[in-house]
Amino acid sequence: MWRRWKAGDWIGAVVFALLLGIRLAQVTAGSWMALPLAVQSGLAAFLFLTRRAEKSGANLTRKLTAWLAAVLPFGLQPAAQENIWLVVAFGGVVFSLWGLASLGQSFGIAPADRGLVVGGAYRFIRHPMYAGELLSFGAVTLSNLNAWNGLLFCAIVFVFVLRIGWEERILDGYADYGQRVRWRLLPFVW
């Protein structure tokens, strides 16, 4: 197993382990919203070290774009005080966490074929992690609606749509799965 790990596995595990530390500090400071984010970060760090080797992967540009999509949300500026939108954001994080747990050892940031997942949250929507994240990021944007948040949210949506297309083309067996589970992100819309 040690020989299977690549630099990307280690880098991803370290990045998410550091993020776990930050989230745990936020939880101990009283931020209830940080708890599912801490669980998500810890699970992602673990999955980077236990994930399946990729059968095929994206080129460097697409890998960097995927990592950019993972970093962009940190620029969003939530409301200074809790409001209903932050409760909606919490729900989005929980839904995304279900998607991550369902994805399991097929998890990765960059598009790669580590095996098609069709169970768990993936029975209902093709990209549940993205759906939950977009719900969360959209709610954070609406909690503090300003030009910066609006522009950044539009950039995040654009990059997510790119990633979805790349992933759908790289995964073996995806066309059949797409026939069984119709909606990518938003039921009855797309």
Protein backbone atom coordinates (compact mmCIF):
# COMPACT_ATOMS: atom_id res chain seq x y z
CA MET A 1 0.00 0.00 0.00
CA TRP A 2 2.81 2.46 0.76
CA ARG A 3 4.08 2.14 -2.81
CA ARG A 4 0.65 2.98 -4.23
CA TRP A 5 0.53 6.43 -2.71
CA LYS A 6 1.47 9.31 -4.92
CA ALA A 7 2.45 12.86 -4.01
CA GLY A 8 -1.13 13.99 -4.72
CA ASP A 9 -2.47 11.57 -2.12
CA TRP A 10 -0.13 12.93 0.53
CA ILE A 11 -0.66 16.57 -0.42
CA GLY A 12 -4.45 16.16 -0.33
CA ALA A 13 -4.30 14.36 3.02
CA VAL A 14 -2.10 17.07 4.53
CA VAL A 15 -4.24 19.91 3.17
CA PHE A 16 -7.43 18.40 4.57
CA ALA A 17 -5.76 17.44 7.87
CA LEU A 18 -4.72 21.08 8.32
CA LEU A 19 -8.24 22.16 7.44
CA LEU A 20 -9.53 19.67 10.02
CA GLY A 21 -7.38 21.38 12.65
CA ILE A 22 -8.76 24.79 11.69
CA ARG A 23 -12.34 23.50 11.79
CA LEU A 24 -11.83 21.85 15.18
CA ALA A 25 -10.48 25.15 16.55
CA GLN A 26 -13.63 26.84 15.22
CA VAL A 27 -15.81 24.21 16.90
CA THR A 28 -14.07 24.70 20.26
CA ALA A 29 -14.59 28.45 19.83
CA GLY A 30 -18.34 27.82 19.63
CA SER A 31 -19.04 27.69 15.88
CA TRP A 32 -21.69 24.98 15.38
CA MET A 33 -21.40 25.39 11.58
CA ALA A 34 -17.80 24.18 11.70
CA LEU A 35 -18.70 20.74 13.09
CA PRO A 36 -19.88 19.13 9.83
CA LEU A 37 -17.04 20.93 8.04
CA ALA A 38 -14.59 19.34 10.50
CA VAL A 39 -16.09 15.90 9.85
CA GLN A 40 -15.93 16.55 6.11
CA SER A 41 -12.27 17.62 6.30
CA GLY A 42 -11.28 14.65 8.44
CA LEU A 43 -13.08 12.20 6.16
CA ALA A 44 -11.48 13.76 3.07
CA ALA A 45 -7.99 13.50 4.62
CA PHE A 46 -8.62 9.83 5.42
CA LEU A 47 -10.01 9.12 1.95
CA PHE A 48 -6.98 10.63 0.26
CA LEU A 49 -4.88 7.93 1.91
CA THR A 50 -7.30 5.06 1.37
CA ARG A 51 -8.75 5.85 -2.04
CA ARG A 52 -8.48 3.58 -5.03
CA ALA A 53 -5.77 4.18 -7.58
CA GLU A 54 -7.07 5.96 -10.63
CA LYS A 55 -7.61 4.03 -13.86
CA SER A 56 -7.41 7.25 -15.84
CA GLY A 57 -7.07 10.86 -14.84
CA ALA A 58 -7.27 14.43 -16.06
CA ASN A 59 -4.46 16.51 -17.50
CA LEU A 60 -2.57 19.03 -15.36
CA THR A 61 -4.74 22.00 -16.38
CA ARG A 62 -7.91 20.20 -15.32
CA LYS A 63 -6.30 19.05 -12.06
CA LEU A 64 -5.28 22.62 -11.21
CA THR A 65 -8.74 23.91 -12.15
CA ALA A 66 -10.33 21.32 -9.85
CA TRP A 67 -8.10 22.41 -6.97
CA LEU A 68 -8.95 26.04 -7.73
CA ALA A 69 -12.63 25.08 -7.34
CA ALA A 70 -11.79 23.59 -3.95
CA VAL A 71 -10.07 26.80 -2.83
CA LEU A 72 -12.42 29.46 -4.27
CA PRO A 73 -15.16 29.04 -1.62
CA PHE A 74 -12.74 30.16 1.09
CA GLY A 75 -13.04 33.65 -0.42
CA LEU A 76 -16.77 33.86 0.31
CA GLN A 77 -17.64 36.29 3.09
CA PRO A 78 -20.48 34.97 5.29
CA ALA A 79 -22.73 37.27 7.27
CA ALA A 80 -21.24 38.58 10.50
CA GLN A 81 -24.28 37.36 12.43
CA GLU A 82 -26.13 34.07 12.11
CA ASN A 83 -29.23 34.18 9.95
CA ILE A 84 -31.52 31.74 8.16
CA TRP A 85 -29.15 31.46 5.20
CA LEU A 86 -26.44 30.03 7.42
CA VAL A 87 -28.89 27.32 8.53
CA VAL A 88 -29.48 26.53 4.84
CA ALA A 89 -25.69 26.47 4.33
CA PHE A 90 -25.43 23.98 7.20
CA GLY A 91 -27.94 21.73 5.40
CA GLY A 92 -25.88 21.96 2.22
CA VAL A 93 -22.75 20.90 4.07
CA VAL A 94 -24.58 17.93 5.61
CA PHE A 95 -25.87 16.86 2.17
CA SER A 96 -22.38 17.22 0.70
CA LEU A 97 -21.00 15.13 3.56
CA TRP A 98 -23.48 12.37 2.70
CA GLY A 99 -22.20 12.53 -0.88
CA LEU A 100 -18.59 12.29 0.31
CA ALA A 101 -19.37 9.31 2.53
CA SER A 102 -21.20 7.65 -0.37
CA LEU A 103 -18.27 8.30 -2.70
CA GLY A 104 -15.84 6.69 -0.26
CA GLN A 105 -12.66 5.33 -1.84
CA SER A 106 -13.55 6.84 -5.22
CA PHE A 107 -13.04 10.36 -3.77
CA GLY A 108 -10.72 12.84 -5.37
CA ILE A 109 -10.54 16.54 -6.12
CA ALA A 110 -9.31 16.25 -9.71
CA PRO A 111 -11.36 14.31 -12.27
CA ALA A 112 -10.26 10.67 -12.36
CA ASP A 113 -11.79 7.24 -12.80
CA ARG A 114 -11.52 5.47 -9.44
CA GLY A 115 -14.67 3.50 -10.07
CA LEU A 116 -18.23 4.65 -10.66
CA VAL A 117 -20.32 5.05 -7.51
CA VAL A 118 -24.06 4.50 -7.90
CA GLY A 119 -25.18 3.92 -4.29
CA GLY A 120 -25.96 6.16 -1.33
CA ALA A 121 -26.61 9.76 -2.32
CA TYR A 122 -25.63 8.87 -5.89
CA ARG A 123 -28.90 6.93 -6.29
CA PHE A 124 -30.83 10.20 -6.32
CA ILE A 125 -28.57 12.75 -7.99
CA ARG A 126 -25.42 12.32 -10.05
CA HIS A 127 -23.29 14.90 -8.27
CA PRO A 128 -24.54 15.13 -4.66
CA MET A 129 -21.31 16.58 -3.29
CA TYR A 130 -21.43 19.45 -5.77
CA ALA A 131 -25.16 19.93 -5.17
CA GLY A 132 -24.64 20.19 -1.41
CA GLU A 133 -21.64 22.46 -1.80
CA LEU A 134 -23.46 24.76 -4.22
CA LEU A 135 -26.44 24.94 -1.85
CA SER A 136 -24.07 25.82 0.96
CA PHE A 137 -22.05 28.37 -1.06
CA GLY A 138 -25.22 29.93 -2.47
CA ALA A 139 -26.66 30.30 1.02
CA VAL A 140 -23.43 31.88 2.31
CA THR A 141 -23.57 34.27 -0.65
CA LEU A 142 -27.18 35.21 0.15
CA SER A 143 -26.35 35.60 3.84
CA ASN A 144 -24.11 38.52 2.90
CA LEU A 145 -25.17 39.58 -0.57
CA ASN A 146 -22.54 41.81 -2.10
CA ALA A 147 -20.73 42.11 -5.44
CA TRP A 148 -17.69 40.12 -4.29
CA ASN A 149 -19.74 37.15 -3.06
CA GLY A 150 -21.93 37.23 -6.16
CA LEU A 151 -18.96 37.28 -8.53
CA LEU A 152 -17.15 34.55 -6.62
CA PHE A 153 -20.26 32.35 -6.49
CA CYS A 154 -20.68 32.69 -10.27
CA ALA A 155 -17.03 31.66 -10.73
CA ILE A 156 -17.56 28.64 -8.46
CA VAL A 157 -20.65 27.56 -10.43
CA PHE A 158 -18.76 27.93 -13.72
CA VAL A 159 -15.84 25.80 -12.52
CA PHE A 160 -18.19 23.17 -11.05
CA VAL A 161 -19.99 22.86 -14.41
CA LEU A 162 -16.60 22.36 -16.09
CA ARG A 163 -15.63 19.69 -13.55
CA ILE A 164 -18.93 17.88 -14.00
CA GLY A 165 -18.38 17.65 -17.75
CA TRP A 166 -14.82 16.41 -17.32
CA GLU A 167 -15.83 13.79 -14.76
CA GLU A 168 -18.73 12.52 -16.83
CA ARG A 169 -16.44 11.98 -19.82
CA ILE A 170 -13.70 10.21 -17.87
CA LEU A 171 -15.76 7.72 -15.82
CA ASP A 172 -16.21 4.28 -17.35
CA GLY A 173 -19.89 3.27 -17.42
CA TYR A 174 -21.16 6.79 -16.87
CA ALA A 175 -23.51 6.86 -19.87
CA ASP A 176 -25.56 3.96 -18.47
CA TYR A 177 -25.59 5.52 -15.02
CA GLY A 178 -26.78 8.81 -16.54
CA GLN A 179 -29.75 6.98 -18.03
CA ARG A 180 -30.73 5.59 -14.60
CA VAL A 181 -30.19 8.79 -12.58
CA ARG A 182 -31.44 11.66 -14.68
CA TRP A 183 -30.51 14.79 -12.73
CA ARG A 184 -26.96 16.06 -12.35
CA LEU A 185 -27.36 18.75 -9.69
CA LEU A 186 -30.88 20.06 -9.38
CA PRO A 187 -33.87 17.75 -9.81
CA PHE A 188 -36.23 18.76 -12.63
CA VAL A 189 -33.74 21.41 -13.83
CA TRP A 190 -30.33 19.87 -14.70
